Amino acid sequence: MYAKVFILAVFAVIVISLGRALFTLIQDKGRSDRTVRALTVRIALSVGLFALLMLGYATGILRPHGIYAAGHQVTLKAPAD
């Protein structure tokens, strides 16, 4: 549960950083480096989140799952030939 909350929090910070970059781009009209710094932060957070997701998968903290649970009607259908 804590892992999911952490992932959502980092994702929210990524979206906020993207919004900040848009705001500074409009406000400064491209005359300062604030937009570049905000986008650099967003990229660093995105790469870090991806690395943490892969690490969580590798260590077993995060487990992938499908849309439907095992035994659901969709998962029991035979593939069409």
C-alpha atoms as a PDB file:
ATOM      1  CA  MET A   1       0.000   0.000   0.000  1.00  0.00           C
ATOM      2  CA  TYR A   2       2.802   2.414   0.855  1.00  0.00           C
ATOM      3  CA  ALA A   3       4.458   1.749  -2.487  1.00  0.00           C
ATOM      4  CA  LYS A   4       1.305   2.753  -4.376  1.00  0.00           C
ATOM      5  CA  VAL A   5       0.947   5.943  -2.347  1.00  0.00           C
ATOM      6  CA  PHE A   6       4.604   6.783  -3.001  1.00  0.00           C
ATOM      7  CA  ILE A   7       4.192   6.158  -6.743  1.00  0.00           C
ATOM      8  CA  LEU A   8       1.120   8.387  -6.883  1.00  0.00           C
ATOM      9  CA  ALA A   9       2.892  11.125  -4.914  1.00  0.00           C
ATOM     10  CA  VAL A  10       5.891  11.099  -7.265  1.00  0.00           C
ATOM     11  CA  PHE A  11       3.541  11.122 -10.254  1.00  0.00           C
ATOM     12  CA  ALA A  12       1.745  14.151  -8.794  1.00  0.00           C
ATOM     13  CA  VAL A  13       5.076  15.965  -8.371  1.00  0.00           C
ATOM     14  CA  ILE A  14       5.905  15.152 -12.009  1.00  0.00           C
ATOM     15  CA  VAL A  15       2.612  16.672 -13.180  1.00  0.00           C
ATOM     16  CA  ILE A  16       3.140  19.737 -10.962  1.00  0.00           C
ATOM     17  CA  SER A  17       6.623  20.195 -12.405  1.00  0.00           C
ATOM     18  CA  LEU A  18       5.197  20.005 -15.912  1.00  0.00           C
ATOM     19  CA  GLY A  19       2.600  22.633 -15.020  1.00  0.00           C
ATOM     20  CA  ARG A  20       5.278  24.847 -13.525  1.00  0.00           C
ATOM     21  CA  ALA A  21       7.314  24.583 -16.718  1.00  0.00           C
ATOM     22  CA  LEU A  22       4.279  25.632 -18.753  1.00  0.00           C
ATOM     23  CA  PHE A  23       3.624  28.564 -16.422  1.00  0.00           C
ATOM     24  CA  THR A  24       7.217  29.798 -16.574  1.00  0.00           C
ATOM     25  CA  LEU A  25       7.283  29.369 -20.362  1.00  0.00           C
ATOM     26  CA  ILE A  26       4.227  31.590 -20.710  1.00  0.00           C
ATOM     27  CA  GLN A  27       5.326  34.075 -18.067  1.00  0.00           C
ATOM     28  CA  ASP A  28       8.969  34.511 -19.145  1.00  0.00           C
ATOM     29  CA  LYS A  29       8.327  34.023 -22.881  1.00  0.00           C
ATOM     30  CA  GLY A  30      11.421  31.818 -23.108  1.00  0.00           C
ATOM     31  CA  ARG A  31      13.877  34.432 -21.823  1.00  0.00           C
ATOM     32  CA  SER A  32      15.030  32.551 -18.722  1.00  0.00           C
ATOM     33  CA  ASP A  33      16.262  29.095 -17.787  1.00  0.00           C
ATOM     34  CA  ARG A  34      13.430  28.380 -15.340  1.00  0.00           C
ATOM     35  CA  THR A  35      11.490  26.383 -17.928  1.00  0.00           C
ATOM     36  CA  VAL A  36      14.518  24.247 -18.721  1.00  0.00           C
ATOM     37  CA  ARG A  37      15.142  23.597 -15.024  1.00  0.00           C
ATOM     38  CA  ALA A  38      11.498  22.616 -14.420  1.00  0.00           C
ATOM     39  CA  LEU A  39      11.565  20.225 -17.373  1.00  0.00           C
ATOM     40  CA  THR A  40      14.895  18.805 -16.204  1.00  0.00           C
ATOM     41  CA  VAL A  41      13.345  18.101 -12.795  1.00  0.00           C
ATOM     42  CA  ARG A  42      10.391  16.416 -14.488  1.00  0.00           C
ATOM     43  CA  ILE A  43      12.637  14.209 -16.603  1.00  0.00           C
ATOM     44  CA  ALA A  44      14.805  13.280 -13.607  1.00  0.00           C
ATOM     45  CA  LEU A  45      11.718  12.379 -11.562  1.00  0.00           C
ATOM     46  CA  SER A  46      10.280  10.341 -14.430  1.00  0.00           C
ATOM     47  CA  VAL A  47      13.492   8.373 -14.931  1.00  0.00           C
ATOM     48  CA  GLY A  48      13.811   7.873 -11.168  1.00  0.00           C
ATOM     49  CA  LEU A  49      10.219   6.650 -10.908  1.00  0.00           C
ATOM     50  CA  PHE A  50      10.762   4.238 -13.789  1.00  0.00           C
ATOM     51  CA  ALA A  51      13.915   2.890 -12.144  1.00  0.00           C
ATOM     52  CA  LEU A  52      12.096   2.464  -8.819  1.00  0.00           C
ATOM     53  CA  LEU A  53       9.227   0.659 -10.555  1.00  0.00           C
ATOM     54  CA  MET A  54      11.686  -1.756 -12.177  1.00  0.00           C
ATOM     55  CA  LEU A  55      13.463  -2.255  -8.850  1.00  0.00           C
ATOM     56  CA  GLY A  56      10.150  -2.886  -7.103  1.00  0.00           C
ATOM     57  CA  TYR A  57       9.213  -5.436  -9.746  1.00  0.00           C
ATOM     58  CA  ALA A  58      12.618  -7.137  -9.522  1.00  0.00           C
ATOM     59  CA  THR A  59      12.484  -7.392  -5.717  1.00  0.00           C
ATOM     60  CA  GLY A  60       8.857  -8.529  -5.617  1.00  0.00           C
ATOM     61  CA  ILE A  61       7.512  -5.463  -3.825  1.00  0.00           C
ATOM     62  CA  LEU A  62       5.369  -4.663  -6.861  1.00  0.00           C
ATOM     63  CA  ARG A  63       3.568  -7.445  -8.671  1.00  0.00           C
ATOM     64  CA  PRO A  64       2.046  -6.985 -12.110  1.00  0.00           C
ATOM     65  CA  HIS A  65      -1.532  -8.058 -12.569  1.00  0.00           C
ATOM     66  CA  GLY A  66      -4.005  -8.116 -15.388  1.00  0.00           C
ATOM     67  CA  ILE A  67      -7.231  -6.243 -15.700  1.00  0.00           C
ATOM     68  CA  TYR A  68      -9.280  -9.320 -14.792  1.00  0.00           C
ATOM     69  CA  ALA A  69      -8.736 -11.640 -11.851  1.00  0.00           C
ATOM     70  CA  ALA A  70      -7.795 -15.257 -12.404  1.00  0.00           C
ATOM     71  CA  GLY A  71     -10.876 -17.333 -13.107  1.00  0.00           C
ATOM     72  CA  HIS A  72     -12.815 -14.422 -14.575  1.00  0.00           C
ATOM     73  CA  GLN A  73     -15.000 -15.229 -17.571  1.00  0.00           C
ATOM     74  CA  VAL A  74     -12.699 -13.341 -19.968  1.00  0.00           C
ATOM     75  CA  THR A  75      -9.597 -15.235 -18.833  1.00  0.00           C
ATOM     76  CA  LEU A  76     -11.305 -18.607 -19.292  1.00  0.00           C
ATOM     77  CA  LYS A  77     -12.158 -18.107 -22.977  1.00  0.00           C
ATOM     78  CA  ALA A  78     -10.118 -20.074 -25.461  1.00  0.00           C
ATOM     79  CA  PRO A  79      -8.211 -17.996 -28.025  1.00  0.00           C
ATOM     80  CA  ALA A  80      -9.926 -17.686 -31.400  1.00  0.00           C
ATOM     81  CA  ASP A  81      -8.222 -19.431 -34.304  1.00  0.00           C
END
